[in-house]
């Protein structure tokens, strides 16, 4: 249980998604994907990816899903090396995107996978998109002249991924975690759209 707690605490800091088997709730024993937010005593606050709701889970009713790669590779305190840029992070996956039927387009702080028309031209918008947002909306107020002003704050989870076919979006603190989700969304969208 201590190893699982360390994994959950680490995931709450990085924004990673963890697969667990949960022995509680209405579907006891089911595999769930969660994005941990905080761990306190026996309570784990996390976003359930199936419902996109923040829920409280009991640590004592959780176990790491046995096929999870984390179970095989997780070493407490080990740091995963972070890519320096989105280009570096996606470079080694170009062939995978091609094999999935996508055209990968990489910018300075964003990337997307696109379908193409029969003539080979890209569609206007990507089906799956990853973007870096340094700031996030905080609140709106009015200045002394009566003009509406939007205030922002530094983003805690600046990497945002959006899948249009699945109508899903999520954000991550670390680029490495965001790239993993970007790849998963791209695989799922390729299957849904029957690209390959």
N, C-alpha and C. Protein backbone atom coordinates (compact mmCIF):
# COMPACT_ATOMS: atom_id res chain seq x y z
N UNK A 1 0.83 -1.21 0.00
CA UNK A 1 0.00 0.00 0.00
C UNK A 1 0.86 1.26 0.00
N UNK A 2 2.04 1.21 0.69
CA UNK A 2 2.91 2.38 0.71
C UNK A 2 3.41 2.71 -0.69
N UNK A 3 3.73 1.67 -1.49
CA UNK A 3 4.20 1.87 -2.85
C UNK A 3 3.10 2.52 -3.70
N UNK A 4 1.86 2.04 -3.54
CA UNK A 4 0.73 2.62 -4.26
C UNK A 4 0.52 4.08 -3.85
N UNK A 5 0.63 4.36 -2.56
CA UNK A 5 0.46 5.73 -2.07
C UNK A 5 1.52 6.65 -2.69
N UNK A 6 2.77 6.18 -2.77
CA UNK A 6 3.85 6.97 -3.38
C UNK A 6 3.54 7.25 -4.84
N UNK A 7 3.03 6.24 -5.54
CA UNK A 7 2.69 6.40 -6.97
C UNK A 7 1.60 7.43 -7.12
N UNK A 8 0.57 7.38 -6.27
CA UNK A 8 -0.56 8.31 -6.35
C UNK A 8 -0.11 9.74 -6.03
N UNK A 9 0.73 9.90 -5.01
CA UNK A 9 1.24 11.23 -4.65
C UNK A 9 2.07 11.79 -5.80
N UNK A 10 2.93 10.96 -6.38
CA UNK A 10 3.75 11.39 -7.51
C UNK A 10 2.86 11.80 -8.69
N UNK A 11 1.83 11.01 -8.96
CA UNK A 11 0.92 11.30 -10.08
C UNK A 11 0.14 12.59 -9.84
N UNK A 12 -0.17 12.90 -8.58
CA UNK A 12 -0.89 14.14 -8.28
C UNK A 12 -0.02 15.35 -8.58
N UNK A 13 1.30 15.18 -8.52
CA UNK A 13 2.22 16.28 -8.80
C UNK A 13 2.52 16.43 -10.29
N UNK A 14 2.47 15.30 -11.02
CA UNK A 14 2.82 15.34 -12.44
C UNK A 14 1.62 15.39 -13.36
N UNK A 15 0.42 15.05 -12.85
CA UNK A 15 -0.76 15.03 -13.70
C UNK A 15 -0.93 13.73 -14.45
N UNK A 16 -0.19 12.70 -14.04
CA UNK A 16 -0.28 11.41 -14.74
C UNK A 16 -1.61 10.72 -14.47
N UNK A 17 -1.96 9.83 -15.38
CA UNK A 17 -3.17 9.02 -15.25
C UNK A 17 -2.75 7.64 -14.78
N UNK A 18 -3.45 7.13 -13.78
CA UNK A 18 -3.13 5.83 -13.18
C UNK A 18 -4.31 4.89 -13.39
N UNK A 19 -4.02 3.63 -13.74
CA UNK A 19 -5.05 2.60 -13.84
C UNK A 19 -5.09 1.84 -12.52
N UNK A 20 -6.27 1.80 -11.91
CA UNK A 20 -6.42 1.09 -10.64
C UNK A 20 -7.59 0.11 -10.72
N UNK A 21 -7.55 -0.89 -9.84
CA UNK A 21 -8.71 -1.75 -9.63
C UNK A 21 -9.31 -1.26 -8.32
N UNK A 22 -10.59 -0.88 -8.36
CA UNK A 22 -11.22 -0.29 -7.17
C UNK A 22 -12.27 -1.23 -6.61
N UNK A 23 -12.07 -1.63 -5.34
CA UNK A 23 -12.97 -2.57 -4.67
C UNK A 23 -13.97 -1.79 -3.81
N UNK A 24 -14.75 -0.96 -4.45
CA UNK A 24 -15.75 -0.15 -3.77
C UNK A 24 -16.67 0.46 -4.80
N UNK A 25 -17.64 1.21 -4.35
CA UNK A 25 -18.56 1.87 -5.26
C UNK A 25 -19.53 0.89 -5.91
N UNK A 26 -20.24 1.37 -6.92
CA UNK A 26 -21.29 0.56 -7.55
C UNK A 26 -20.74 -0.51 -8.49
N UNK A 27 -19.47 -0.35 -8.92
CA UNK A 27 -18.86 -1.33 -9.82
C UNK A 27 -17.58 -1.88 -9.19
N UNK A 28 -17.75 -2.51 -8.03
CA UNK A 28 -16.61 -3.02 -7.28
C UNK A 28 -15.78 -4.00 -8.11
N UNK A 29 -14.46 -3.82 -8.06
CA UNK A 29 -13.55 -4.69 -8.80
C UNK A 29 -13.26 -4.24 -10.21
N UNK A 30 -13.88 -3.13 -10.63
CA UNK A 30 -13.67 -2.66 -12.00
C UNK A 30 -12.36 -1.88 -12.11
N UNK A 31 -11.81 -1.86 -13.34
CA UNK A 31 -10.60 -1.10 -13.63
C UNK A 31 -11.01 0.33 -13.93
N UNK A 32 -10.37 1.29 -13.28
CA UNK A 32 -10.68 2.70 -13.49
C UNK A 32 -9.40 3.46 -13.80
N UNK A 33 -9.53 4.46 -14.65
CA UNK A 33 -8.41 5.36 -14.90
C UNK A 33 -8.70 6.65 -14.14
N UNK A 34 -7.75 7.03 -13.30
CA UNK A 34 -7.93 8.24 -12.50
C UNK A 34 -6.72 9.15 -12.65
N UNK A 35 -6.96 10.45 -12.45
CA UNK A 35 -5.90 11.44 -12.41
C UNK A 35 -5.89 12.00 -10.99
N UNK A 36 -4.99 11.51 -10.12
CA UNK A 36 -4.98 11.92 -8.71
C UNK A 36 -4.75 13.42 -8.55
N UNK A 37 -5.47 14.00 -7.57
CA UNK A 37 -5.33 15.42 -7.24
C UNK A 37 -4.63 15.58 -5.90
N UNK A 38 -5.07 14.77 -4.90
CA UNK A 38 -4.44 14.82 -3.58
C UNK A 38 -4.63 13.49 -2.86
N UNK A 39 -3.70 13.20 -1.94
CA UNK A 39 -3.77 11.99 -1.13
C UNK A 39 -3.63 12.40 0.33
N UNK A 40 -4.63 12.06 1.12
CA UNK A 40 -4.61 12.44 2.53
C UNK A 40 -5.15 11.27 3.35
N UNK A 41 -4.29 10.68 4.18
CA UNK A 41 -4.64 9.50 4.96
C UNK A 41 -5.17 8.41 4.03
N UNK A 42 -6.45 8.02 4.17
CA UNK A 42 -7.04 6.97 3.34
C UNK A 42 -7.85 7.55 2.18
N UNK A 43 -7.92 8.88 2.08
CA UNK A 43 -8.72 9.52 1.03
C UNK A 43 -7.85 9.96 -0.14
N UNK A 44 -8.27 9.56 -1.33
CA UNK A 44 -7.60 9.96 -2.57
C UNK A 44 -8.60 10.73 -3.41
N UNK A 45 -8.38 12.04 -3.56
CA UNK A 45 -9.22 12.85 -4.45
C UNK A 45 -8.63 12.74 -5.84
N UNK A 46 -9.48 12.37 -6.80
CA UNK A 46 -8.99 12.17 -8.16
C UNK A 46 -10.10 12.40 -9.16
N UNK A 47 -9.70 12.77 -10.37
CA UNK A 47 -10.67 12.88 -11.46
C UNK A 47 -10.81 11.51 -12.08
N UNK A 48 -12.04 10.99 -12.11
CA UNK A 48 -12.33 9.72 -12.77
C UNK A 48 -12.49 10.03 -14.26
N UNK A 49 -11.66 9.42 -15.10
CA UNK A 49 -11.68 9.73 -16.52
C UNK A 49 -12.95 9.22 -17.21
N UNK A 50 -13.57 8.19 -16.67
CA UNK A 50 -14.79 7.65 -17.28
C UNK A 50 -15.94 8.65 -17.17
N UNK A 51 -16.03 9.36 -16.04
CA UNK A 51 -17.14 10.29 -15.81
C UNK A 51 -16.71 11.75 -15.89
N UNK A 52 -15.38 11.99 -15.90
CA UNK A 52 -14.80 13.33 -15.88
C UNK A 52 -15.22 14.11 -14.63
N UNK A 53 -15.49 13.39 -13.53
CA UNK A 53 -15.87 14.02 -12.26
C UNK A 53 -14.78 13.79 -11.23
N UNK A 54 -14.62 14.77 -10.33
CA UNK A 54 -13.69 14.61 -9.21
C UNK A 54 -14.41 13.84 -8.11
N UNK A 55 -13.79 12.74 -7.69
CA UNK A 55 -14.39 11.87 -6.67
C UNK A 55 -13.36 11.60 -5.58
N UNK A 56 -13.83 11.10 -4.44
CA UNK A 56 -12.95 10.67 -3.37
C UNK A 56 -12.97 9.15 -3.33
N UNK A 57 -11.80 8.56 -3.46
CA UNK A 57 -11.64 7.11 -3.41
C UNK A 57 -10.94 6.75 -2.11
N UNK A 58 -11.13 5.55 -1.63
CA UNK A 58 -10.45 5.06 -0.44
C UNK A 58 -9.20 4.29 -0.85
N UNK A 59 -8.05 4.72 -0.35
CA UNK A 59 -6.79 4.08 -0.66
C UNK A 59 -6.83 2.59 -0.29
N UNK A 60 -7.48 2.27 0.83
CA UNK A 60 -7.54 0.89 1.30
C UNK A 60 -8.35 -0.02 0.36
N UNK A 61 -9.14 0.57 -0.54
CA UNK A 61 -9.94 -0.23 -1.48
C UNK A 61 -9.34 -0.24 -2.88
N UNK A 62 -8.12 0.29 -3.01
CA UNK A 62 -7.46 0.39 -4.32
C UNK A 62 -6.32 -0.60 -4.44
N UNK A 63 -6.09 -1.04 -5.67
CA UNK A 63 -4.85 -1.72 -6.00
C UNK A 63 -4.45 -1.29 -7.40
N UNK A 64 -3.14 -1.23 -7.63
CA UNK A 64 -2.65 -0.84 -8.95
C UNK A 64 -3.01 -1.95 -9.92
N UNK A 65 -3.56 -1.57 -11.05
CA UNK A 65 -3.97 -2.56 -12.06
C UNK A 65 -2.75 -3.36 -12.48
N UNK A 66 -2.85 -4.69 -12.42
CA UNK A 66 -1.68 -5.57 -12.57
C UNK A 66 -0.93 -5.44 -13.88
N UNK A 67 -1.60 -5.08 -14.96
CA UNK A 67 -0.91 -4.96 -16.23
C UNK A 67 -0.29 -3.58 -16.42
N UNK A 68 -0.48 -2.71 -15.42
CA UNK A 68 0.03 -1.33 -15.54
C UNK A 68 1.55 -1.33 -15.67
N UNK A 69 2.04 -0.54 -16.64
CA UNK A 69 3.48 -0.39 -16.83
C UNK A 69 4.14 0.21 -15.59
N UNK A 70 3.38 1.03 -14.84
CA UNK A 70 3.95 1.64 -13.63
C UNK A 70 4.36 0.58 -12.62
N UNK A 71 3.59 -0.50 -12.55
CA UNK A 71 3.88 -1.56 -11.59
C UNK A 71 5.24 -2.18 -11.88
N UNK A 72 5.60 -2.26 -13.17
CA UNK A 72 6.86 -2.87 -13.56
C UNK A 72 8.02 -1.89 -13.48
N UNK A 73 7.76 -0.63 -13.72
CA UNK A 73 8.86 0.33 -13.88
C UNK A 73 8.98 1.36 -12.76
N UNK A 74 7.99 1.48 -11.90
CA UNK A 74 8.02 2.55 -10.91
C UNK A 74 9.08 2.30 -9.84
N UNK A 75 9.95 3.24 -9.64
CA UNK A 75 10.95 3.20 -8.57
C UNK A 75 10.77 4.49 -7.77
N UNK A 76 10.43 4.40 -6.47
CA UNK A 76 10.22 5.61 -5.68
C UNK A 76 11.42 6.56 -5.78
N UNK A 77 11.12 7.83 -6.04
CA UNK A 77 12.16 8.84 -6.12
C UNK A 77 12.83 8.95 -7.47
N UNK A 78 12.58 7.99 -8.37
CA UNK A 78 13.20 8.05 -9.70
C UNK A 78 12.52 9.14 -10.53
N UNK A 79 13.32 9.94 -11.17
CA UNK A 79 12.79 11.02 -12.01
C UNK A 79 12.84 10.60 -13.47
N UNK A 80 11.75 10.81 -14.18
CA UNK A 80 11.71 10.55 -15.61
C UNK A 80 12.26 11.79 -16.30
N UNK A 81 13.19 11.58 -17.24
CA UNK A 81 13.77 12.75 -17.90
C UNK A 81 12.71 13.38 -18.81
N UNK A 82 12.62 14.68 -18.69
CA UNK A 82 11.63 15.44 -19.46
C UNK A 82 12.20 15.86 -20.80
N UNK A 83 11.40 15.75 -21.87
CA UNK A 83 11.86 16.27 -23.16
C UNK A 83 12.01 17.79 -23.08
N UNK A 84 12.93 18.33 -23.87
CA UNK A 84 13.18 19.78 -23.86
C UNK A 84 12.17 20.55 -24.67
N UNK A 85 11.51 19.89 -25.61
CA UNK A 85 10.53 20.57 -26.46
C UNK A 85 9.50 19.57 -26.96
N UNK A 86 8.42 20.09 -27.49
CA UNK A 86 7.38 19.23 -28.04
C UNK A 86 7.90 18.50 -29.28
N UNK A 87 8.79 19.15 -30.03
CA UNK A 87 9.40 18.51 -31.20
C UNK A 87 10.22 17.30 -30.79
N UNK A 88 11.05 17.48 -29.77
CA UNK A 88 11.87 16.37 -29.26
C UNK A 88 10.98 15.24 -28.74
N UNK A 89 9.91 15.59 -28.06
CA UNK A 89 9.02 14.59 -27.47
C UNK A 89 8.30 13.76 -28.53
N UNK A 90 7.97 14.36 -29.67
CA UNK A 90 7.19 13.66 -30.69
C UNK A 90 8.04 13.07 -31.81
N UNK A 91 9.30 13.46 -31.91
CA UNK A 91 10.18 13.03 -33.00
C UNK A 91 10.20 11.51 -33.17
N UNK A 92 10.36 10.79 -32.05
CA UNK A 92 10.48 9.34 -32.12
C UNK A 92 9.15 8.64 -32.43
N UNK A 93 8.05 9.37 -32.43
CA UNK A 93 6.73 8.77 -32.65
C UNK A 93 6.14 9.07 -34.04
N UNK A 94 6.90 9.73 -34.90
CA UNK A 94 6.37 10.14 -36.21
C UNK A 94 5.83 8.95 -37.01
N UNK A 95 6.57 7.84 -37.00
CA UNK A 95 6.15 6.67 -37.76
C UNK A 95 4.84 6.09 -37.21
N UNK A 96 4.70 6.11 -35.89
CA UNK A 96 3.46 5.63 -35.27
C UNK A 96 2.26 6.43 -35.78
N UNK A 97 2.36 7.75 -35.79
CA UNK A 97 1.25 8.59 -36.25
C UNK A 97 0.93 8.30 -37.73
N UNK A 98 1.98 8.14 -38.53
CA UNK A 98 1.80 7.83 -39.95
C UNK A 98 1.05 6.51 -40.11
N UNK A 99 1.46 5.48 -39.34
CA UNK A 99 0.82 4.16 -39.40
C UNK A 99 -0.63 4.19 -38.91
N UNK A 100 -0.94 5.15 -38.05
CA UNK A 100 -2.32 5.31 -37.57
C UNK A 100 -3.20 6.06 -38.57
N UNK A 101 -2.58 6.58 -39.63
CA UNK A 101 -3.34 7.29 -40.66
C UNK A 101 -3.37 8.80 -40.49
N UNK A 102 -2.50 9.32 -39.63
CA UNK A 102 -2.50 10.75 -39.34
C UNK A 102 -1.39 11.49 -40.08
N UNK A 103 -1.58 12.76 -40.27
CA UNK A 103 -0.53 13.68 -40.68
C UNK A 103 -0.20 14.50 -39.43
N UNK A 104 1.00 14.34 -38.90
CA UNK A 104 1.42 15.04 -37.69
C UNK A 104 2.03 16.38 -38.07
N UNK A 105 1.52 17.46 -37.45
CA UNK A 105 2.05 18.80 -37.68
C UNK A 105 2.52 19.33 -36.32
N UNK A 106 3.80 19.72 -36.25
CA UNK A 106 4.38 20.18 -34.98
C UNK A 106 4.76 21.65 -35.10
N UNK A 107 4.32 22.45 -34.14
CA UNK A 107 4.69 23.86 -34.05
C UNK A 107 5.62 24.07 -32.87
N UNK A 108 5.84 25.33 -32.51
CA UNK A 108 6.76 25.65 -31.42
C UNK A 108 6.24 25.14 -30.07
N UNK A 109 4.99 25.40 -29.75
CA UNK A 109 4.42 24.98 -28.47
C UNK A 109 3.09 24.26 -28.65
N UNK A 110 2.93 23.62 -29.82
CA UNK A 110 1.71 22.87 -30.07
C UNK A 110 1.96 21.84 -31.16
N UNK A 111 1.07 20.87 -31.23
CA UNK A 111 1.11 19.86 -32.29
C UNK A 111 -0.30 19.33 -32.49
N UNK A 112 -0.54 18.77 -33.65
CA UNK A 112 -1.85 18.20 -33.93
C UNK A 112 -1.75 17.09 -34.95
N UNK A 113 -2.73 16.18 -34.91
CA UNK A 113 -2.82 15.14 -35.93
C UNK A 113 -4.05 15.45 -36.78
N UNK A 114 -3.84 15.41 -38.10
CA UNK A 114 -4.87 15.82 -39.05
C UNK A 114 -5.22 14.68 -39.99
N UNK A 115 -6.48 14.67 -40.42
CA UNK A 115 -6.87 13.85 -41.56
C UNK A 115 -6.61 14.67 -42.82
N UNK A 116 -6.52 13.99 -43.94
CA UNK A 116 -6.32 14.71 -45.20
C UNK A 116 -7.49 14.44 -46.14
N UNK A 117 -7.70 15.36 -47.05
CA UNK A 117 -8.69 15.15 -48.10
C UNK A 117 -8.10 14.20 -49.14
N UNK A 118 -8.91 13.73 -50.09
CA UNK A 118 -8.44 12.80 -51.12
C UNK A 118 -7.29 13.38 -51.95
N UNK A 119 -7.27 14.72 -52.08
CA UNK A 119 -6.19 15.36 -52.85
C UNK A 119 -4.90 15.52 -52.03
N UNK A 120 -4.92 15.07 -50.77
CA UNK A 120 -3.73 15.12 -49.92
C UNK A 120 -3.61 16.36 -49.05
N UNK A 121 -4.51 17.33 -49.26
CA UNK A 121 -4.46 18.55 -48.44
C UNK A 121 -5.00 18.27 -47.04
N UNK A 122 -4.43 19.01 -46.07
CA UNK A 122 -4.86 18.85 -44.67
C UNK A 122 -6.25 19.44 -44.46
N UNK A 123 -6.99 18.80 -43.56
CA UNK A 123 -8.24 19.42 -43.13
C UNK A 123 -7.90 20.65 -42.30
N UNK A 124 -8.88 21.50 -42.08
CA UNK A 124 -8.64 22.80 -41.44
C UNK A 124 -8.24 22.68 -39.97
N UNK A 125 -8.86 21.75 -39.25
CA UNK A 125 -8.57 21.63 -37.82
C UNK A 125 -8.07 20.22 -37.49
N UNK A 126 -7.21 20.11 -36.48
CA UNK A 126 -6.72 18.78 -36.09
C UNK A 126 -7.80 18.00 -35.34
N UNK A 127 -7.73 16.69 -35.43
CA UNK A 127 -8.66 15.85 -34.66
C UNK A 127 -8.20 15.69 -33.22
N UNK A 128 -6.88 15.68 -33.02
CA UNK A 128 -6.30 15.64 -31.67
C UNK A 128 -5.22 16.71 -31.63
N UNK A 129 -5.22 17.49 -30.56
CA UNK A 129 -4.38 18.68 -30.50
C UNK A 129 -3.74 18.78 -29.11
N UNK A 130 -2.46 19.17 -29.07
CA UNK A 130 -1.79 19.43 -27.80
C UNK A 130 -1.23 20.85 -27.87
N UNK A 131 -1.42 21.62 -26.79
CA UNK A 131 -0.99 23.02 -26.75
C UNK A 131 -0.42 23.36 -25.38
N UNK A 132 0.51 24.29 -25.38
CA UNK A 132 1.07 24.81 -24.13
C UNK A 132 0.39 26.14 -23.81
N UNK A 133 -0.15 26.25 -22.59
CA UNK A 133 -0.78 27.50 -22.13
C UNK A 133 -0.04 27.96 -20.88
N UNK A 134 0.80 28.97 -21.03
CA UNK A 134 1.59 29.45 -19.90
C UNK A 134 0.70 30.04 -18.80
N UNK A 135 -0.41 30.69 -19.21
CA UNK A 135 -1.32 31.30 -18.25
C UNK A 135 -2.72 30.74 -18.43
N UNK A 136 -3.50 30.83 -17.36
CA UNK A 136 -4.89 30.39 -17.40
C UNK A 136 -5.77 31.52 -16.86
N UNK A 137 -7.02 31.54 -17.29
CA UNK A 137 -7.97 32.57 -16.86
C UNK A 137 -8.16 32.52 -15.35
N UNK A 138 -8.19 33.67 -14.71
CA UNK A 138 -8.41 33.75 -13.26
C UNK A 138 -9.75 34.41 -12.95
N UNK A 139 -9.93 35.66 -13.40
CA UNK A 139 -11.20 36.35 -13.18
C UNK A 139 -11.30 37.56 -14.09
N UNK A 140 -12.50 38.13 -14.16
CA UNK A 140 -12.75 39.33 -14.96
C UNK A 140 -13.14 40.47 -14.02
N UNK A 141 -12.64 41.67 -14.31
CA UNK A 141 -12.96 42.84 -13.50
C UNK A 141 -13.04 44.05 -14.44
N UNK A 142 -13.29 45.21 -13.90
CA UNK A 142 -13.35 46.44 -14.70
C UNK A 142 -12.28 47.40 -14.21
N UNK A 143 -11.64 48.10 -15.16
CA UNK A 143 -10.63 49.08 -14.78
C UNK A 143 -11.31 50.42 -14.46
N UNK A 144 -10.51 51.42 -14.16
CA UNK A 144 -11.03 52.73 -13.75
C UNK A 144 -11.84 53.42 -14.85
N UNK A 145 -11.59 53.04 -16.12
CA UNK A 145 -12.33 53.64 -17.23
C UNK A 145 -13.58 52.86 -17.60
N UNK A 146 -13.88 51.81 -16.83
CA UNK A 146 -15.08 51.01 -17.11
C UNK A 146 -14.89 49.94 -18.16
N UNK A 147 -13.63 49.66 -18.53
CA UNK A 147 -13.35 48.61 -19.51
C UNK A 147 -13.22 47.26 -18.81
N UNK A 148 -13.77 46.25 -19.44
CA UNK A 148 -13.68 44.90 -18.90
C UNK A 148 -12.26 44.37 -19.11
N UNK A 149 -11.65 43.83 -18.05
CA UNK A 149 -10.29 43.32 -18.10
C UNK A 149 -10.26 41.89 -17.57
N UNK A 150 -9.63 41.00 -18.35
CA UNK A 150 -9.48 39.61 -17.90
C UNK A 150 -8.11 39.46 -17.24
N UNK A 151 -8.10 38.85 -16.08
CA UNK A 151 -6.86 38.60 -15.35
C UNK A 151 -6.51 37.12 -15.44
N UNK A 152 -5.21 36.86 -15.59
CA UNK A 152 -4.75 35.49 -15.68
C UNK A 152 -3.78 35.18 -14.56
N UNK A 153 -3.47 33.90 -14.42
CA UNK A 153 -2.47 33.46 -13.45
C UNK A 153 -1.63 32.37 -14.12
N UNK A 154 -0.41 32.13 -13.63
CA UNK A 154 0.41 31.07 -14.23
C UNK A 154 -0.31 29.73 -14.15
N UNK A 155 -0.28 28.98 -15.22
CA UNK A 155 -0.97 27.70 -15.28
C UNK A 155 -0.20 26.63 -14.53
N UNK A 156 -0.89 25.88 -13.68
CA UNK A 156 -0.28 24.79 -12.92
C UNK A 156 -0.10 23.56 -13.82
N UNK A 157 -1.06 23.35 -14.71
CA UNK A 157 -1.03 22.23 -15.66
C UNK A 157 -1.10 22.82 -17.08
N UNK A 158 0.04 23.29 -17.60
CA UNK A 158 0.01 24.08 -18.83
C UNK A 158 -0.17 23.30 -20.13
N UNK A 159 0.04 21.98 -20.12
CA UNK A 159 -0.10 21.19 -21.34
C UNK A 159 -1.53 20.69 -21.48
N UNK A 160 -2.23 21.18 -22.51
CA UNK A 160 -3.64 20.85 -22.71
C UNK A 160 -3.79 19.99 -23.96
N UNK A 161 -4.52 18.87 -23.82
CA UNK A 161 -4.77 17.96 -24.94
C UNK A 161 -6.26 17.89 -25.19
N UNK A 162 -6.64 17.96 -26.45
CA UNK A 162 -8.05 17.92 -26.85
C UNK A 162 -8.25 16.90 -27.96
N UNK A 163 -9.23 16.00 -27.77
CA UNK A 163 -9.61 15.05 -28.81
C UNK A 163 -11.01 15.41 -29.28
N UNK A 164 -11.12 15.88 -30.52
CA UNK A 164 -12.43 16.26 -31.05
C UNK A 164 -13.38 15.08 -31.26
N UNK A 165 -12.89 13.94 -31.83
CA UNK A 165 -13.83 12.83 -32.02
C UNK A 165 -14.43 12.31 -30.71
N UNK A 166 -13.62 12.28 -29.66
CA UNK A 166 -14.10 11.77 -28.37
C UNK A 166 -14.73 12.87 -27.52
N UNK A 167 -14.61 14.12 -27.98
CA UNK A 167 -15.10 15.27 -27.22
C UNK A 167 -14.55 15.26 -25.79
N UNK A 168 -13.23 15.06 -25.70
CA UNK A 168 -12.56 15.01 -24.40
C UNK A 168 -11.37 15.96 -24.39
N UNK A 169 -11.07 16.45 -23.21
CA UNK A 169 -9.90 17.28 -23.03
C UNK A 169 -9.33 17.07 -21.64
N UNK A 170 -8.03 17.25 -21.50
CA UNK A 170 -7.39 17.11 -20.20
C UNK A 170 -6.10 17.92 -20.21
N UNK A 171 -5.54 18.17 -19.05
CA UNK A 171 -4.29 18.94 -18.97
C UNK A 171 -3.30 18.27 -18.03
N UNK A 172 -2.03 18.57 -18.24
CA UNK A 172 -0.95 17.94 -17.48
C UNK A 172 0.10 18.96 -17.09
N UNK A 173 0.78 18.67 -16.01
CA UNK A 173 1.87 19.52 -15.54
C UNK A 173 3.12 19.26 -16.37
N UNK A 174 3.38 17.97 -16.68
CA UNK A 174 4.61 17.59 -17.37
C UNK A 174 4.34 17.25 -18.82
N UNK A 175 5.27 17.64 -19.68
CA UNK A 175 5.15 17.36 -21.11
C UNK A 175 5.17 15.86 -21.38
N UNK A 176 6.00 15.10 -20.66
CA UNK A 176 6.09 13.66 -20.90
C UNK A 176 4.74 12.97 -20.67
N UNK A 177 4.02 13.37 -19.63
CA UNK A 177 2.70 12.81 -19.35
C UNK A 177 1.69 13.24 -20.41
N UNK A 178 1.81 14.49 -20.85
CA UNK A 178 0.89 15.02 -21.86
C UNK A 178 1.08 14.30 -23.19
N UNK A 179 2.32 14.02 -23.56
CA UNK A 179 2.60 13.32 -24.82
C UNK A 179 2.00 11.92 -24.80
N UNK A 180 2.11 11.25 -23.66
CA UNK A 180 1.53 9.90 -23.53
C UNK A 180 0.02 9.95 -23.79
N UNK A 181 -0.65 10.94 -23.22
CA UNK A 181 -2.10 11.06 -23.41
C UNK A 181 -2.42 11.47 -24.85
N UNK A 182 -1.61 12.34 -25.43
CA UNK A 182 -1.78 12.76 -26.83
C UNK A 182 -1.72 11.54 -27.76
N UNK A 183 -0.77 10.65 -27.51
CA UNK A 183 -0.63 9.43 -28.31
C UNK A 183 -1.85 8.54 -28.11
N UNK A 184 -2.29 8.37 -26.85
CA UNK A 184 -3.47 7.52 -26.59
C UNK A 184 -4.72 8.08 -27.25
N UNK A 185 -4.93 9.39 -27.15
CA UNK A 185 -6.09 10.02 -27.81
C UNK A 185 -6.00 9.80 -29.32
N UNK A 186 -4.80 9.91 -29.89
CA UNK A 186 -4.62 9.74 -31.33
C UNK A 186 -4.93 8.31 -31.77
N UNK A 187 -4.52 7.33 -30.95
CA UNK A 187 -4.84 5.92 -31.26
C UNK A 187 -6.35 5.69 -31.22
N UNK A 188 -7.00 6.20 -30.17
CA UNK A 188 -8.45 6.02 -30.02
C UNK A 188 -9.21 6.70 -31.16
N UNK A 189 -8.79 7.90 -31.53
CA UNK A 189 -9.47 8.63 -32.61
C UNK A 189 -9.27 7.94 -33.95
N UNK A 190 -8.07 7.36 -34.17
CA UNK A 190 -7.81 6.62 -35.40
C UNK A 190 -8.74 5.42 -35.53
N UNK A 191 -8.95 4.71 -34.42
CA UNK A 191 -9.87 3.56 -34.42
C UNK A 191 -11.30 4.02 -34.65
N UNK A 192 -11.69 5.08 -33.95
CA UNK A 192 -13.07 5.59 -34.06
C UNK A 192 -13.37 6.06 -35.48
N UNK A 193 -12.41 6.72 -36.11
CA UNK A 193 -12.61 7.25 -37.46
C UNK A 193 -12.22 6.23 -38.54
N UNK A 194 -11.75 5.05 -38.10
CA UNK A 194 -11.36 3.95 -39.00
C UNK A 194 -10.36 4.44 -40.07
N UNK A 195 -9.28 5.05 -39.60
CA UNK A 195 -8.27 5.60 -40.51
C UNK A 195 -7.33 4.55 -41.06
N UNK A 196 -7.10 3.47 -40.31
CA UNK A 196 -6.13 2.49 -40.81
C UNK A 196 -6.74 1.12 -40.97
